[in-house]
Amino acid sequence: MFAIRNLVRSNAQLAKNVAQVRNMSVTATPARNKVSKGELIVLASMMVIGWSAIPAWVLVNIKHYRDKN
C-alpha cells in the first residue's frame, strides 16, 4: 500500500514539473514583411464573416426554433 501511495505522489510531482517547463528563447520582433492593404482588407472581412456566420444563421432560421411542432 505504501508503494502505491509513493508511486501516486511521485507521478503527481512529475506531472507538476512537466507542466512548468517553458521555452522562453523566442523573442518578439517586428514583422519582416508588411501585409498589403488589400490582403489586410480580405483577411479582416473573412474574420468578420466567420464571426457573424453562426449568429446570422440563427437569426435567419429563428422561426424554425420557435415552432412547437
PDB file of N, CA and C in Angstrom:
ATOM      1  N   MET A   1       0.825  -1.190   0.000  1.00  0.00           N
ATOM      2  CA  MET A   1       0.000   0.000   0.000  1.00  0.00           C
ATOM      3  C   MET A   1       0.866   1.250   0.000  1.00  0.00           C
ATOM      4  N   PHE A   2       1.960   1.222   0.771  1.00  0.00           N
ATOM      5  CA  PHE A   2       2.832   2.394   0.822  1.00  0.00           C
ATOM      6  C   PHE A   2       3.513   2.631  -0.521  1.00  0.00           C
ATOM      7  N   ALA A   3       3.817   1.544  -1.229  1.00  0.00           N
ATOM      8  CA  ALA A   3       4.466   1.690  -2.534  1.00  0.00           C
ATOM      9  C   ALA A   3       3.521   2.374  -3.526  1.00  0.00           C
ATOM     10  N   ILE A   4       2.252   2.036  -3.473  1.00  0.00           N
ATOM     11  CA  ILE A   4       1.280   2.660  -4.376  1.00  0.00           C
ATOM     12  C   ILE A   4       1.130   4.138  -4.046  1.00  0.00           C
ATOM     13  N   ARG A   5       1.112   4.464  -2.758  1.00  0.00           N
ATOM     14  CA  ARG A   5       0.981   5.867  -2.351  1.00  0.00           C
ATOM     15  C   ARG A   5       2.191   6.666  -2.822  1.00  0.00           C
ATOM     16  N   ASN A   6       3.384   6.098  -2.685  1.00  0.00           N
ATOM     17  CA  ASN A   6       4.589   6.793  -3.147  1.00  0.00           C
ATOM     18  C   ASN A   6       4.601   6.948  -4.660  1.00  0.00           C
ATOM     19  N   LEU A   7       4.091   5.935  -5.364  1.00  0.00           N
ATOM     20  CA  LEU A   7       4.038   5.997  -6.824  1.00  0.00           C
ATOM     21  C   LEU A   7       3.090   7.110  -7.279  1.00  0.00           C
ATOM     22  N   VAL A   8       1.929   7.209  -6.642  1.00  0.00           N
ATOM     23  CA  VAL A   8       0.973   8.258  -6.992  1.00  0.00           C
ATOM     24  C   VAL A   8       1.559   9.625  -6.691  1.00  0.00           C
ATOM     25  N   ARG A   9       2.236   9.766  -5.564  1.00  0.00           N
ATOM     26  CA  ARG A   9       2.834  11.050  -5.179  1.00  0.00           C
ATOM     27  C   ARG A   9       3.938  11.433  -6.154  1.00  0.00           C
ATOM     28  N   SER A  10       4.769  10.473  -6.542  1.00  0.00           N
ATOM     29  CA  SER A  10       5.862  10.799  -7.462  1.00  0.00           C
ATOM     30  C   SER A  10       5.326  11.152  -8.846  1.00  0.00           C
ATOM     31  N   ASN A  11       4.243  10.490  -9.286  1.00  0.00           N
ATOM     32  CA  ASN A  11       3.648  10.827 -10.580  1.00  0.00           C
ATOM     33  C   ASN A  11       3.056  12.227 -10.558  1.00  0.00           C
ATOM     34  N   ALA A  12       2.445  12.608  -9.447  1.00  0.00           N
ATOM     35  CA  ALA A  12       1.887  13.952  -9.342  1.00  0.00           C
ATOM     36  C   ALA A  12       2.994  14.994  -9.378  1.00  0.00           C
ATOM     37  N   GLN A  13       4.090  14.718  -8.695  1.00  0.00           N
ATOM     38  CA  GLN A  13       5.213  15.652  -8.696  1.00  0.00           C
ATOM     39  C   GLN A  13       5.827  15.750 -10.093  1.00  0.00           C
ATOM     40  N   LEU A  14       5.928  14.620 -10.780  1.00  0.00           N
ATOM     41  CA  LEU A  14       6.465  14.615 -12.137  1.00  0.00           C
ATOM     42  C   LEU A  14       5.555  15.419 -13.069  1.00  0.00           C
ATOM     43  N   ALA A  15       4.237  15.228 -12.974  1.00  0.00           N
ATOM     44  CA  ALA A  15       3.308  15.981 -13.813  1.00  0.00           C
ATOM     45  C   ALA A  15       3.402  17.472 -13.506  1.00  0.00           C
ATOM     46  N   LYS A  16       3.582  17.824 -12.249  1.00  0.00           N
ATOM     47  CA  LYS A  16       3.709  19.239 -11.884  1.00  0.00           C
ATOM     48  C   LYS A  16       4.973  19.846 -12.483  1.00  0.00           C
ATOM     49  N   ASN A  17       6.052  19.116 -12.461  1.00  0.00           N
ATOM     50  CA  ASN A  17       7.305  19.620 -13.026  1.00  0.00           C
ATOM     51  C   ASN A  17       7.226  19.731 -14.548  1.00  0.00           C
ATOM     52  N   VAL A  18       6.576  18.798 -15.196  1.00  0.00           N
ATOM     53  CA  VAL A  18       6.463  18.821 -16.648  1.00  0.00           C
ATOM     54  C   VAL A  18       5.610  20.017 -17.084  1.00  0.00           C
ATOM     55  N   ALA A  19       4.557  20.316 -16.339  1.00  0.00           N
ATOM     56  CA  ALA A  19       3.674  21.416 -16.718  1.00  0.00           C
ATOM     57  C   ALA A  19       4.358  22.769 -16.598  1.00  0.00           C
ATOM     58  N   GLN A  20       5.401  22.870 -15.785  1.00  0.00           N
ATOM     59  CA  GLN A  20       6.047  24.150 -15.566  1.00  0.00           C
ATOM     60  C   GLN A  20       7.190  24.425 -16.539  1.00  0.00           C
ATOM     61  N   VAL A  21       7.558  23.475 -17.354  1.00  0.00           N
ATOM     62  CA  VAL A  21       8.654  23.666 -18.299  1.00  0.00           C
ATOM     63  C   VAL A  21       8.170  24.535 -19.450  1.00  0.00           C
ATOM     64  N   ARG A  22       8.882  25.617 -19.726  1.00  0.00           N
ATOM     65  CA  ARG A  22       8.508  26.532 -20.801  1.00  0.00           C
ATOM     66  C   ARG A  22       9.726  26.859 -21.649  1.00  0.00           C
ATOM     67  N   ASN A  23       9.482  27.148 -22.904  1.00  0.00           N
ATOM     68  CA  ASN A  23      10.554  27.547 -23.791  1.00  0.00           C
ATOM     69  C   ASN A  23      10.497  29.066 -23.919  1.00  0.00           C
ATOM     70  N   MET A  24      11.430  29.742 -23.292  1.00  0.00           N
ATOM     71  CA  MET A  24      11.412  31.196 -23.278  1.00  0.00           C
ATOM     72  C   MET A  24      12.481  31.794 -24.199  1.00  0.00           C
ATOM     73  N   SER A  25      12.957  31.032 -25.153  1.00  0.00           N
ATOM     74  CA  SER A  25      14.025  31.533 -26.015  1.00  0.00           C
ATOM     75  C   SER A  25      13.500  32.352 -27.197  1.00  0.00           C
ATOM     76  N   VAL A  26      12.200  32.383 -27.411  1.00  0.00           N
ATOM     77  CA  VAL A  26      11.627  33.102 -28.540  1.00  0.00           C
ATOM     78  C   VAL A  26      11.404  34.556 -28.125  1.00  0.00           C
ATOM     79  N   THR A  27      11.904  35.485 -28.930  1.00  0.00           N
ATOM     80  CA  THR A  27      11.698  36.905 -28.646  1.00  0.00           C
ATOM     81  C   THR A  27      10.805  37.506 -29.723  1.00  0.00           C
ATOM     82  N   ALA A  28       9.962  38.425 -29.331  1.00  0.00           N
ATOM     83  CA  ALA A  28       9.058  39.071 -30.278  1.00  0.00           C
ATOM     84  C   ALA A  28       9.808  40.157 -31.039  1.00  0.00           C
ATOM     85  N   THR A  29       9.659  40.137 -32.336  1.00  0.00           N
ATOM     86  CA  THR A  29      10.286  41.147 -33.185  1.00  0.00           C
ATOM     87  C   THR A  29       9.251  41.682 -34.158  1.00  0.00           C
ATOM     88  N   PRO A  30       9.461  42.848 -34.707  1.00  0.00           N
ATOM     89  CA  PRO A  30       8.524  43.372 -35.708  1.00  0.00           C
ATOM     90  C   PRO A  30       8.490  42.475 -36.945  1.00  0.00           C
ATOM     91  N   ALA A  31       7.407  42.551 -37.675  1.00  0.00           N
ATOM     92  CA  ALA A  31       7.249  41.732 -38.880  1.00  0.00           C
ATOM     93  C   ALA A  31       8.301  42.094 -39.913  1.00  0.00           C
ATOM     94  N   ARG A  32       8.783  41.110 -40.617  1.00  0.00           N
ATOM     95  CA  ARG A  32       9.790  41.355 -41.658  1.00  0.00           C
ATOM     96  C   ARG A  32       9.141  41.881 -42.929  1.00  0.00           C
ATOM     97  N   ASN A  33       7.975  41.336 -43.268  1.00  0.00           N
ATOM     98  CA  ASN A  33       7.254  41.765 -44.470  1.00  0.00           C
ATOM     99  C   ASN A  33       5.890  42.285 -44.044  1.00  0.00           C
ATOM    100  N   LYS A  34       5.582  43.513 -44.401  1.00  0.00           N
ATOM    101  CA  LYS A  34       4.279  44.076 -44.049  1.00  0.00           C
ATOM    102  C   LYS A  34       3.203  43.476 -44.937  1.00  0.00           C
ATOM    103  N   VAL A  35       2.002  43.360 -44.374  1.00  0.00           N
ATOM    104  CA  VAL A  35       0.859  42.852 -45.119  1.00  0.00           C
ATOM    105  C   VAL A  35       0.273  44.013 -45.923  1.00  0.00           C
ATOM    106  N   SER A  36      -0.029  43.763 -47.192  1.00  0.00           N
ATOM    107  CA  SER A  36      -0.571  44.828 -48.039  1.00  0.00           C
ATOM    108  C   SER A  36      -1.990  45.192 -47.592  1.00  0.00           C
ATOM    109  N   LYS A  37      -2.424  46.390 -47.980  1.00  0.00           N
ATOM    110  CA  LYS A  37      -3.761  46.867 -47.587  1.00  0.00           C
ATOM    111  C   LYS A  37      -4.856  45.956 -48.133  1.00  0.00           C
ATOM    112  N   GLY A  38      -4.705  45.504 -49.370  1.00  0.00           N
ATOM    113  CA  GLY A  38      -5.710  44.624 -49.963  1.00  0.00           C
ATOM    114  C   GLY A  38      -5.820  43.307 -49.221  1.00  0.00           C
ATOM    115  N   GLU A  39      -4.668  42.724 -48.898  1.00  0.00           N
ATOM    116  CA  GLU A  39      -4.674  41.462 -48.161  1.00  0.00           C
ATOM    117  C   GLU A  39      -5.252  41.658 -46.768  1.00  0.00           C
ATOM    118  N   LEU A  40      -4.949  42.779 -46.138  1.00  0.00           N
ATOM    119  CA  LEU A  40      -5.481  43.081 -44.819  1.00  0.00           C
ATOM    120  C   LEU A  40      -7.001  43.203 -44.859  1.00  0.00           C
ATOM    121  N   ILE A  41      -7.528  43.861 -45.885  1.00  0.00           N
ATOM    122  CA  ILE A  41      -8.977  44.007 -46.021  1.00  0.00           C
ATOM    123  C   ILE A  41      -9.640  42.651 -46.246  1.00  0.00           C
ATOM    124  N   VAL A  42      -9.048  41.826 -47.108  1.00  0.00           N
ATOM    125  CA  VAL A  42      -9.613  40.499 -47.378  1.00  0.00           C
ATOM    126  C   VAL A  42      -9.601  39.641 -46.113  1.00  0.00           C
ATOM    127  N   LEU A  43      -8.489  39.617 -45.404  1.00  0.00           N
ATOM    128  CA  LEU A  43      -8.403  38.804 -44.200  1.00  0.00           C
ATOM    129  C   LEU A  43      -9.343  39.304 -43.112  1.00  0.00           C
ATOM    130  N   ALA A  44      -9.445  40.612 -42.947  1.00  0.00           N
ATOM    131  CA  ALA A  44     -10.346  41.167 -41.931  1.00  0.00           C
ATOM    132  C   ALA A  44     -11.799  40.857 -42.279  1.00  0.00           C
ATOM    133  N   SER A  45     -12.160  40.968 -43.554  1.00  0.00           N
ATOM    134  CA  SER A  45     -13.543  40.666 -43.932  1.00  0.00           C
ATOM    135  C   SER A  45     -13.853  39.181 -43.748  1.00  0.00           C
ATOM    136  N   MET A  46     -12.897  38.308 -44.014  1.00  0.00           N
ATOM    137  CA  MET A  46     -13.107  36.882 -43.778  1.00  0.00           C
ATOM    138  C   MET A  46     -13.311  36.600 -42.284  1.00  0.00           C
ATOM    139  N   MET A  47     -12.573  37.303 -41.433  1.00  0.00           N
ATOM    140  CA  MET A  47     -12.750  37.124 -39.994  1.00  0.00           C
ATOM    141  C   MET A  47     -14.134  37.582 -39.553  1.00  0.00           C
ATOM    142  N   VAL A  48     -14.581  38.739 -40.051  1.00  0.00           N
ATOM    143  CA  VAL A  48     -15.895  39.258 -39.667  1.00  0.00           C
ATOM    144  C   VAL A  48     -16.998  38.323 -40.164  1.00  0.00           C
ATOM    145  N   ILE A  49     -16.880  37.827 -41.390  1.00  0.00           N
ATOM    146  CA  ILE A  49     -17.862  36.888 -41.916  1.00  0.00           C
ATOM    147  C   ILE A  49     -17.874  35.610 -41.090  1.00  0.00           C
ATOM    148  N   GLY A  50     -16.695  35.129 -40.720  1.00  0.00           N
ATOM    149  CA  GLY A  50     -16.616  33.926 -39.900  1.00  0.00           C
ATOM    150  C   GLY A  50     -17.233  34.108 -38.527  1.00  0.00           C
ATOM    151  N   TRP A  51     -17.003  35.264 -37.914  1.00  0.00           N
ATOM    152  CA  TRP A  51     -17.573  35.525 -36.583  1.00  0.00           C
ATOM    153  C   TRP A  51     -19.082  35.670 -36.624  1.00  0.00           C
ATOM    154  N   SER A  52     -19.614  36.238 -37.689  1.00  0.00           N
ATOM    155  CA  SER A  52     -21.049  36.522 -37.737  1.00  0.00           C
ATOM    156  C   SER A  52     -21.849  35.447 -38.462  1.00  0.00           C
ATOM    157  N   ALA A  53     -21.226  34.396 -38.967  1.00  0.00           N
ATOM    158  CA  ALA A  53     -21.944  33.380 -39.736  1.00  0.00           C
ATOM    159  C   ALA A  53     -22.958  32.633 -38.880  1.00  0.00           C
ATOM    160  N   ILE A  54     -22.571  32.157 -37.715  1.00  0.00           N
ATOM    161  CA  ILE A  54     -23.491  31.385 -36.876  1.00  0.00           C
ATOM    162  C   ILE A  54     -24.609  32.264 -36.317  1.00  0.00           C
ATOM    163  N   PRO A  55     -24.339  33.444 -35.759  1.00  0.00           N
ATOM    164  CA  PRO A  55     -25.461  34.286 -35.327  1.00  0.00           C
ATOM    165  C   PRO A  55     -26.408  34.656 -36.474  1.00  0.00           C
ATOM    166  N   ALA A  56     -25.883  34.892 -37.664  1.00  0.00           N
ATOM    167  CA  ALA A  56     -26.747  35.208 -38.803  1.00  0.00           C
ATOM    168  C   ALA A  56     -27.609  34.000 -39.161  1.00  0.00           C
ATOM    169  N   TRP A  57     -27.022  32.810 -39.123  1.00  0.00           N
ATOM    170  CA  TRP A  57     -27.777  31.585 -39.426  1.00  0.00           C
ATOM    171  C   TRP A  57     -28.923  31.407 -38.427  1.00  0.00           C
ATOM    172  N   VAL A  58     -28.645  31.647 -37.159  1.00  0.00           N
ATOM    173  CA  VAL A  58     -29.683  31.521 -36.132  1.00  0.00           C
ATOM    174  C   VAL A  58     -30.777  32.549 -36.358  1.00  0.00           C
ATOM    175  N   LEU A  59     -30.417  33.793 -36.650  1.00  0.00           N
ATOM    176  CA  LEU A  59     -31.426  34.824 -36.862  1.00  0.00           C
ATOM    177  C   LEU A  59     -32.278  34.553 -38.104  1.00  0.00           C
ATOM    178  N   VAL A  60     -31.673  34.016 -39.149  1.00  0.00           N
ATOM    179  CA  VAL A  60     -32.431  33.703 -40.360  1.00  0.00           C
ATOM    180  C   VAL A  60     -33.407  32.556 -40.101  1.00  0.00           C
ATOM    181  N   ASN A  61     -33.011  31.581 -39.290  1.00  0.00           N
ATOM    182  CA  ASN A  61     -33.835  30.401 -39.042  1.00  0.00           C
ATOM    183  C   ASN A  61     -34.534  30.430 -37.686  1.00  0.00           C
ATOM    184  N   ILE A  62     -34.746  31.618 -37.123  1.00  0.00           N
ATOM    185  CA  ILE A  62     -35.349  31.723 -35.798  1.00  0.00           C
ATOM    186  C   ILE A  62     -36.780  31.188 -35.785  1.00  0.00           C
ATOM    187  N   LYS A  63     -37.491  31.278 -36.911  1.00  0.00           N
ATOM    188  CA  LYS A  63     -38.872  30.780 -36.954  1.00  0.00           C
ATOM    189  C   LYS A  63     -38.914  29.262 -36.771  1.00  0.00           C
ATOM    190  N   HIS A  64     -37.892  28.555 -37.238  1.00  0.00           N
ATOM    191  CA  HIS A  64     -37.848  27.110 -37.040  1.00  0.00           C
ATOM    192  C   HIS A  64     -37.597  26.752 -35.590  1.00  0.00           C
ATOM    193  N   TYR A  65     -36.868  27.569 -34.871  1.00  0.00           N
ATOM    194  CA  TYR A  65     -36.596  27.292 -33.457  1.00  0.00           C
ATOM    195  C   TYR A  65     -37.817  27.567 -32.599  1.00  0.00           C
ATOM    196  N   ARG A  66     -38.685  28.483 -33.040  1.00  0.00           N
ATOM    197  CA  ARG A  66     -39.864  28.839 -32.255  1.00  0.00           C
ATOM    198  C   ARG A  66     -41.065  27.961 -32.544  1.00  0.00           C
ATOM    199  N   ASP A  67     -41.014  27.153 -33.591  1.00  0.00           N
ATOM    200  CA  ASP A  67     -42.120  26.244 -33.901  1.00  0.00           C
ATOM    201  C   ASP A  67     -42.300  25.234 -32.773  1.00  0.00           C
ATOM    202  N   LYS A  68     -43.568  24.869 -32.499  1.00  0.00           N
ATOM    203  CA  LYS A  68     -43.836  23.892 -31.445  1.00  0.00           C
ATOM    204  C   LYS A  68     -44.270  22.562 -32.017  1.00  0.00           C
ATOM    205  N   ASN A  69     -43.904  22.275 -33.241  1.00  0.00           N
ATOM    206  CA  ASN A  69     -44.287  21.002 -33.878  1.00  0.00           C
ATOM    207  C   ASN A  69     -43.606  19.855 -33.225  1.00  0.00           C
TER     208      ASN A  69
END
